[in-house]
Amino acid sequence: MKKITLLTLLVMTATASFSQSANAEISATIVALEKAALEKWNQGDPSGYINLSAPDVVYFDPFIPQRLDGIEALKELYKPLTGQIHVSRYEMVNPKVQATSSMAVLTFNLVSFGGETPQRWNCTEVYRLEKDNQWKIVQTHWSFTTPSLK
């Protein structure tokens, strides 16, 4: 009985250790993907987010009246923004990734510096691990950190 208990404890400890290290690896990957897309975005190039988004992506932001469905709709939204965004620097504040082996949710605050007043955002991105072993965004939600209430 003691051997079974000890074996069970060892298996549980090994599983927990693997899970923590796997989640740390997933978290680092997701944050790196998001930062790479942001770097392009800040130079007026939305291709980082377009290439990172799945065909069935859904998208919300405060400038559109309803959810956008699909990569083609996202491309159309981003097309007129190409070359129009210039951010000199940004801060990704308090990023948190909550993950399973095939899904990850990234939440963070973003402070963008490109004009006289910093822009402050909340962001939630849901990533899915695709069949080709690439993480893709399936849901994006941007909102103002402190919206103006009227």
Protein backbone atom coordinates (compact mmCIF):
# COMPACT_ATOMS: atom_id res chain seq x y z
CA MET A 1 0.00 0.00 0.00
CA LYS A 2 2.85 2.39 0.84
CA LYS A 3 4.43 1.67 -2.57
CA ILE A 4 1.20 2.54 -4.39
CA THR A 5 0.80 5.75 -2.40
CA LEU A 6 4.42 6.72 -3.06
CA LEU A 7 4.10 5.90 -6.76
CA THR A 8 0.88 7.94 -7.01
CA LEU A 9 2.56 10.88 -5.28
CA LEU A 10 5.54 10.70 -7.65
CA VAL A 11 3.29 10.63 -10.72
CA MET A 12 1.25 13.58 -9.45
CA THR A 13 4.43 15.58 -8.72
CA ALA A 14 5.90 14.82 -12.15
CA THR A 15 2.62 15.79 -13.86
CA ALA A 16 2.42 19.06 -11.93
CA SER A 17 6.05 19.89 -12.75
CA PHE A 18 5.50 19.15 -16.45
CA SER A 19 2.32 21.22 -16.45
CA GLN A 20 4.05 24.21 -14.86
CA SER A 21 6.99 24.08 -17.25
CA ALA A 22 4.70 23.55 -20.26
CA ASN A 23 2.55 26.53 -19.22
CA ALA A 24 5.66 28.67 -18.73
CA GLU A 25 6.80 27.75 -22.23
CA ILE A 26 3.37 28.45 -23.71
CA SER A 27 3.21 31.79 -21.86
CA ALA A 28 6.60 32.87 -23.17
CA THR A 29 5.65 31.88 -26.72
CA ILE A 30 2.30 33.71 -26.63
CA VAL A 31 3.80 36.92 -25.21
CA ALA A 32 6.60 36.82 -27.80
CA LEU A 33 4.10 36.38 -30.65
CA GLU A 34 2.00 39.28 -29.38
CA LYS A 35 5.02 41.57 -28.99
CA ALA A 36 6.22 40.76 -32.52
CA ALA A 37 2.79 41.67 -33.93
CA LEU A 38 2.71 44.86 -31.83
CA GLU A 39 6.14 45.90 -33.11
CA LYS A 40 4.86 45.74 -36.70
CA TRP A 41 1.56 47.41 -35.79
CA ASN A 42 3.40 50.31 -34.15
CA GLN A 43 5.15 50.97 -37.47
CA GLY A 44 1.88 51.02 -39.43
CA ASP A 45 2.08 47.39 -40.55
CA PRO A 46 -0.94 45.27 -39.57
CA SER A 47 0.48 42.14 -41.24
CA GLY A 48 1.80 40.84 -37.92
CA TYR A 49 -1.72 40.54 -36.57
CA ILE A 50 -3.19 39.37 -39.88
CA ASN A 51 -0.62 36.57 -40.15
CA LEU A 52 -1.14 35.66 -36.50
CA SER A 53 -4.93 35.42 -36.82
CA ALA A 54 -6.83 32.23 -37.66
CA PRO A 55 -9.25 32.16 -40.60
CA ASP A 56 -12.19 32.06 -38.14
CA VAL A 57 -10.93 34.93 -35.95
CA VAL A 58 -13.51 37.18 -34.26
CA TYR A 59 -12.63 40.76 -33.37
CA PHE A 60 -13.97 43.60 -31.18
CA ASP A 61 -12.67 47.11 -30.63
CA PRO A 62 -14.29 50.39 -29.54
CA PHE A 63 -14.27 51.84 -33.06
CA ILE A 64 -16.54 49.25 -34.66
CA PRO A 65 -20.26 48.86 -33.95
CA GLN A 66 -20.29 45.06 -33.81
CA ARG A 67 -18.09 41.99 -33.84
CA LEU A 68 -16.11 41.24 -37.00
CA ASP A 69 -16.11 37.61 -38.13
CA GLY A 70 -13.28 36.06 -40.11
CA ILE A 71 -9.87 36.98 -41.42
CA GLU A 72 -11.21 38.67 -44.57
CA ALA A 73 -13.27 41.12 -42.48
CA LEU A 74 -10.21 41.81 -40.31
CA LYS A 75 -8.08 42.48 -43.41
CA GLU A 76 -10.69 44.97 -44.65
CA LEU A 77 -10.73 46.74 -41.28
CA TYR A 78 -6.94 46.99 -41.21
CA LYS A 79 -6.39 47.96 -44.87
CA PRO A 80 -6.98 51.74 -44.43
CA LEU A 81 -4.83 51.74 -41.28
CA THR A 82 -1.73 50.55 -43.13
CA GLY A 83 0.96 53.20 -42.80
CA GLN A 84 -1.23 55.38 -40.56
CA ILE A 85 -0.10 54.22 -37.11
CA HIS A 86 3.15 55.51 -35.63
CA VAL A 87 3.97 54.54 -32.08
CA SER A 88 7.41 55.50 -30.82
CA ARG A 89 7.29 53.08 -27.90
CA TYR A 90 4.87 50.99 -25.92
CA GLU A 91 4.56 49.21 -22.60
CA MET A 92 2.87 45.85 -22.27
CA VAL A 93 1.74 46.03 -18.65
CA ASN A 94 1.06 42.98 -16.53
CA PRO A 95 0.66 40.36 -19.25
CA LYS A 96 -0.97 37.15 -18.04
CA VAL A 97 -1.38 33.93 -19.99
CA GLN A 98 -3.80 31.26 -18.85
CA ALA A 99 -3.27 28.14 -20.93
CA THR A 100 -4.12 24.55 -21.62
CA SER A 101 -2.21 22.42 -24.09
CA SER A 102 -4.20 23.77 -27.06
CA MET A 103 -5.73 27.11 -25.97
CA ALA A 104 -4.28 30.20 -24.32
CA VAL A 105 -5.81 33.47 -23.15
CA LEU A 106 -3.52 36.49 -23.00
CA THR A 107 -4.67 39.57 -21.11
CA PHE A 108 -2.65 42.75 -20.70
CA ASN A 109 -2.81 46.51 -20.54
CA LEU A 110 -1.10 48.45 -23.29
CA VAL A 111 0.26 51.97 -23.06
CA SER A 112 1.14 53.41 -26.49
CA PHE A 113 3.27 56.52 -26.88
CA GLY A 114 2.94 58.18 -30.25
CA GLY A 115 1.46 61.59 -29.67
CA GLU A 116 1.07 64.09 -26.88
CA THR A 117 -1.11 61.82 -24.74
CA PRO A 118 -0.38 58.14 -24.13
CA GLN A 119 -3.14 55.80 -25.25
CA ARG A 120 -4.21 53.22 -22.66
CA TRP A 121 -5.84 49.96 -23.66
CA ASN A 122 -7.10 46.67 -22.27
CA CYS A 123 -6.52 43.67 -24.49
CA THR A 124 -7.67 40.07 -24.43
CA GLU A 125 -6.43 37.64 -27.07
CA VAL A 126 -7.49 34.01 -27.27
CA TYR A 127 -4.96 31.78 -29.03
CA ARG A 128 -5.53 28.28 -30.38
CA LEU A 129 -2.82 25.77 -31.24
CA GLU A 130 -3.51 24.80 -34.84
CA LYS A 131 -2.92 21.44 -36.53
CA ASP A 132 0.37 22.75 -37.94
CA ASN A 133 1.53 23.39 -34.34
CA GLN A 134 1.32 27.18 -34.75
CA TRP A 135 -0.51 29.41 -32.26
CA LYS A 136 -3.17 31.58 -33.93
CA ILE A 137 -5.47 34.26 -32.55
CA VAL A 138 -9.13 33.21 -32.65
CA GLN A 139 -10.57 36.08 -30.61
CA THR A 140 -9.40 39.65 -30.04
CA HIS A 141 -10.99 42.26 -27.80
CA TRP A 142 -9.57 45.77 -27.39
CA SER A 143 -11.12 48.39 -25.12
CA PHE A 144 -10.06 51.68 -23.58
CA THR A 145 -8.63 51.34 -20.08
CA THR A 146 -10.55 54.35 -18.84
CA PRO A 147 -13.39 55.00 -21.29
CA SER A 148 -14.99 58.40 -21.35
CA LEU A 149 -18.38 58.11 -19.76
CA LYS A 150 -21.10 60.48 -20.92
